[in-house]
Amino acid sequence: VDWEQKLVINIILNRESELFLFYLTKFWKIADKPRCCNAQPF
């Protein structure tokens, strides 16, 4: 599996945890433009 599939798997497995929001926000900022330059996951 490539890194994207691993990321998706990790997100699914950790969707109940704070890591989910952290990785989702981090990945979203990398994959797409940040919705707000000062936005923070927490």
PDB file of N, CA and C in Angstrom:
ATOM      1  N   VAL A   1       0.841  -1.200   0.000  1.00  0.00           N
ATOM      2  CA  VAL A   1       0.000   0.000   0.000  1.00  0.00           C
ATOM      3  C   VAL A   1       0.876   1.250   0.000  1.00  0.00           C
ATOM      4  N   ASP A   2       0.396   2.280  -0.650  1.00  0.00           N
ATOM      5  CA  ASP A   2       1.132   3.537  -0.664  1.00  0.00           C
ATOM      6  C   ASP A   2       0.781   4.359   0.567  1.00  0.00           C
ATOM      7  N   TRP A   3       1.441   5.511   0.688  1.00  0.00           N
ATOM      8  CA  TRP A   3       1.267   6.314   1.918  1.00  0.00           C
ATOM      9  C   TRP A   3      -0.148   6.839   2.031  1.00  0.00           C
ATOM     10  N   GLU A   4      -0.825   7.086   0.895  1.00  0.00           N
ATOM     11  CA  GLU A   4      -2.198   7.605   0.966  1.00  0.00           C
ATOM     12  C   GLU A   4      -3.132   6.555   1.550  1.00  0.00           C
ATOM     13  N   GLN A   5      -2.974   5.309   1.099  1.00  0.00           N
ATOM     14  CA  GLN A   5      -3.829   4.247   1.629  1.00  0.00           C
ATOM     15  C   GLN A   5      -3.560   4.036   3.113  1.00  0.00           C
ATOM     16  N   LYS A   6      -2.285   4.091   3.500  1.00  0.00           N
ATOM     17  CA  LYS A   6      -1.944   3.957   4.918  1.00  0.00           C
ATOM     18  C   LYS A   6      -2.578   5.081   5.730  1.00  0.00           C
ATOM     19  N   LEU A   7      -2.551   6.286   5.183  1.00  0.00           N
ATOM     20  CA  LEU A   7      -3.137   7.425   5.893  1.00  0.00           C
ATOM     21  C   LEU A   7      -4.634   7.221   6.080  1.00  0.00           C
ATOM     22  N   VAL A   8      -5.311   6.783   5.021  1.00  0.00           N
ATOM     23  CA  VAL A   8      -6.755   6.545   5.105  1.00  0.00           C
ATOM     24  C   VAL A   8      -7.054   5.469   6.142  1.00  0.00           C
ATOM     25  N   ILE A   9      -6.273   4.383   6.119  1.00  0.00           N
ATOM     26  CA  ILE A   9      -6.475   3.301   7.086  1.00  0.00           C
ATOM     27  C   ILE A   9      -6.280   3.825   8.502  1.00  0.00           C
ATOM     28  N   ASN A  10      -5.212   4.605   8.711  1.00  0.00           N
ATOM     29  CA  ASN A  10      -4.945   5.146  10.044  1.00  0.00           C
ATOM     30  C   ASN A  10      -6.055   6.093  10.488  1.00  0.00           C
ATOM     31  N   ILE A  11      -6.570   6.884   9.561  1.00  0.00           N
ATOM     32  CA  ILE A  11      -7.662   7.800   9.897  1.00  0.00           C
ATOM     33  C   ILE A  11      -8.890   7.003  10.318  1.00  0.00           C
ATOM     34  N   ILE A  12      -9.207   5.941   9.568  1.00  0.00           N
ATOM     35  CA  ILE A  12     -10.380   5.129   9.902  1.00  0.00           C
ATOM     36  C   ILE A  12     -10.200   4.482  11.279  1.00  0.00           C
ATOM     37  N   LEU A  13      -9.001   3.961  11.536  1.00  0.00           N
ATOM     38  CA  LEU A  13      -8.756   3.276  12.801  1.00  0.00           C
ATOM     39  C   LEU A  13      -8.749   4.247  13.974  1.00  0.00           C
ATOM     40  N   ASN A  14      -8.361   5.495  13.720  1.00  0.00           N
ATOM     41  CA  ASN A  14      -8.206   6.468  14.805  1.00  0.00           C
ATOM     42  C   ASN A  14      -9.299   7.529  14.791  1.00  0.00           C
ATOM     43  N   ARG A  15     -10.401   7.235  14.098  1.00  0.00           N
ATOM     44  CA  ARG A  15     -11.420   8.275  13.917  1.00  0.00           C
ATOM     45  C   ARG A  15     -12.048   8.700  15.233  1.00  0.00           C
ATOM     46  N   GLU A  16     -11.876   7.905  16.286  1.00  0.00           N
ATOM     47  CA  GLU A  16     -12.448   8.252  17.584  1.00  0.00           C
ATOM     48  C   GLU A  16     -11.482   9.066  18.430  1.00  0.00           C
ATOM     49  N   SER A  17     -10.253   9.190  17.963  1.00  0.00           N
ATOM     50  CA  SER A  17      -9.213   9.796  18.804  1.00  0.00           C
ATOM     51  C   SER A  17      -8.862  11.200  18.338  1.00  0.00           C
ATOM     52  N   GLU A  18      -8.098  11.897  19.148  1.00  0.00           N
ATOM     53  CA  GLU A  18      -7.645  13.238  18.791  1.00  0.00           C
ATOM     54  C   GLU A  18      -6.701  13.190  17.605  1.00  0.00           C
ATOM     55  N   LEU A  19      -5.976  12.069  17.448  1.00  0.00           N
ATOM     56  CA  LEU A  19      -5.066  11.947  16.314  1.00  0.00           C
ATOM     57  C   LEU A  19      -5.815  12.049  15.007  1.00  0.00           C
ATOM     58  N   PHE A  20      -7.063  11.604  14.994  1.00  0.00           N
ATOM     59  CA  PHE A  20      -7.864  11.695  13.778  1.00  0.00           C
ATOM     60  C   PHE A  20      -7.984  13.141  13.325  1.00  0.00           C
ATOM     61  N   LEU A  21      -8.385  14.010  14.247  1.00  0.00           N
ATOM     62  CA  LEU A  21      -8.538  15.423  13.888  1.00  0.00           C
ATOM     63  C   LEU A  21      -7.196  16.040  13.503  1.00  0.00           C
ATOM     64  N   PHE A  22      -6.143  15.646  14.228  1.00  0.00           N
ATOM     65  CA  PHE A  22      -4.821  16.199  13.939  1.00  0.00           C
ATOM     66  C   PHE A  22      -4.360  15.818  12.534  1.00  0.00           C
ATOM     67  N   TYR A  23      -4.417  14.520  12.226  1.00  0.00           N
ATOM     68  CA  TYR A  23      -3.955  14.073  10.914  1.00  0.00           C
ATOM     69  C   TYR A  23      -4.865  14.550   9.802  1.00  0.00           C
ATOM     70  N   LEU A  24      -6.176  14.570  10.086  1.00  0.00           N
ATOM     71  CA  LEU A  24      -7.116  15.038   9.067  1.00  0.00           C
ATOM     72  C   LEU A  24      -6.841  16.502   8.723  1.00  0.00           C
ATOM     73  N   THR A  25      -6.633  17.309   9.756  1.00  0.00           N
ATOM     74  CA  THR A  25      -6.358  18.730   9.526  1.00  0.00           C
ATOM     75  C   THR A  25      -5.028  18.895   8.801  1.00  0.00           C
ATOM     76  N   LYS A  26      -4.022  18.146   9.249  1.00  0.00           N
ATOM     77  CA  LYS A  26      -2.702  18.244   8.626  1.00  0.00           C
ATOM     78  C   LYS A  26      -2.770  17.815   7.161  1.00  0.00           C
ATOM     79  N   PHE A  27      -3.441  16.716   6.905  1.00  0.00           N
ATOM     80  CA  PHE A  27      -3.543  16.216   5.536  1.00  0.00           C
ATOM     81  C   PHE A  27      -4.358  17.171   4.676  1.00  0.00           C
ATOM     82  N   TRP A  28      -5.444  17.709   5.261  1.00  0.00           N
ATOM     83  CA  TRP A  28      -6.302  18.618   4.506  1.00  0.00           C
ATOM     84  C   TRP A  28      -5.530  19.867   4.101  1.00  0.00           C
ATOM     85  N   LYS A  29      -4.697  20.382   4.998  1.00  0.00           N
ATOM     86  CA  LYS A  29      -3.910  21.580   4.688  1.00  0.00           C
ATOM     87  C   LYS A  29      -2.885  21.283   3.604  1.00  0.00           C
ATOM     88  N   ILE A  30      -2.375  20.044   3.580  1.00  0.00           N
ATOM     89  CA  ILE A  30      -1.414  19.677   2.538  1.00  0.00           C
ATOM     90  C   ILE A  30      -2.149  19.437   1.220  1.00  0.00           C
ATOM     91  N   ALA A  31      -3.291  18.762   1.276  1.00  0.00           N
ATOM     92  CA  ALA A  31      -3.998  18.361   0.064  1.00  0.00           C
ATOM     93  C   ALA A  31      -4.740  19.530  -0.574  1.00  0.00           C
ATOM     94  N   ASP A  32      -5.211  20.449   0.232  1.00  0.00           N
ATOM     95  CA  ASP A  32      -6.010  21.555  -0.278  1.00  0.00           C
ATOM     96  C   ASP A  32      -5.569  22.832   0.424  1.00  0.00           C
ATOM     97  N   LYS A  33      -6.015  23.960  -0.062  1.00  0.00           N
ATOM     98  CA  LYS A  33      -5.668  25.219   0.574  1.00  0.00           C
ATOM     99  C   LYS A  33      -6.300  25.309   1.958  1.00  0.00           C
ATOM    100  N   PRO A  34      -5.602  25.835   2.952  1.00  0.00           N
ATOM    101  CA  PRO A  34      -6.198  26.016   4.276  1.00  0.00           C
ATOM    102  C   PRO A  34      -7.423  26.922   4.184  1.00  0.00           C
ATOM    103  N   ARG A  35      -8.464  26.559   4.913  1.00  0.00           N
ATOM    104  CA  ARG A  35      -9.673  27.386   4.908  1.00  0.00           C
ATOM    105  C   ARG A  35      -9.391  28.711   5.619  1.00  0.00           C
ATOM    106  N   CYS A  36      -8.522  28.643   6.641  1.00  0.00           N
ATOM    107  CA  CYS A  36      -8.149  29.858   7.353  1.00  0.00           C
ATOM    108  C   CYS A  36      -6.680  29.751   7.717  1.00  0.00           C
ATOM    109  N   CYS A  37      -5.942  30.781   7.402  1.00  0.00           N
ATOM    110  CA  CYS A  37      -4.495  30.710   7.620  1.00  0.00           C
ATOM    111  C   CYS A  37      -4.158  30.518   9.094  1.00  0.00           C
ATOM    112  N   ASN A  38      -5.011  31.014   9.987  1.00  0.00           N
ATOM    113  CA  ASN A  38      -4.743  30.909  11.419  1.00  0.00           C
ATOM    114  C   ASN A  38      -5.494  29.753  12.073  1.00  0.00           C
ATOM    115  N   ALA A  39      -6.125  28.908  11.256  1.00  0.00           N
ATOM    116  CA  ALA A  39      -6.906  27.795  11.817  1.00  0.00           C
ATOM    117  C   ALA A  39      -5.983  26.806  12.514  1.00  0.00           C
ATOM    118  N   GLN A  40      -6.406  26.339  13.684  1.00  0.00           N
ATOM    119  CA  GLN A  40      -5.650  25.342  14.430  1.00  0.00           C
ATOM    120  C   GLN A  40      -6.563  24.167  14.729  1.00  0.00           C
ATOM    121  N   PRO A  41      -6.026  22.940  14.713  1.00  0.00           N
ATOM    122  CA  PRO A  41      -6.883  21.769  14.932  1.00  0.00           C
ATOM    123  C   PRO A  41      -7.510  21.752  16.320  1.00  0.00           C
ATOM    124  N   PHE A  42      -6.789  22.362  17.320  1.00  0.00           N
ATOM    125  CA  PHE A  42      -7.332  22.331  18.689  1.00  0.00           C
ATOM    126  C   PHE A  42      -7.389  23.750  19.232  1.00  0.00           C
TER     127      PHE A  42
END
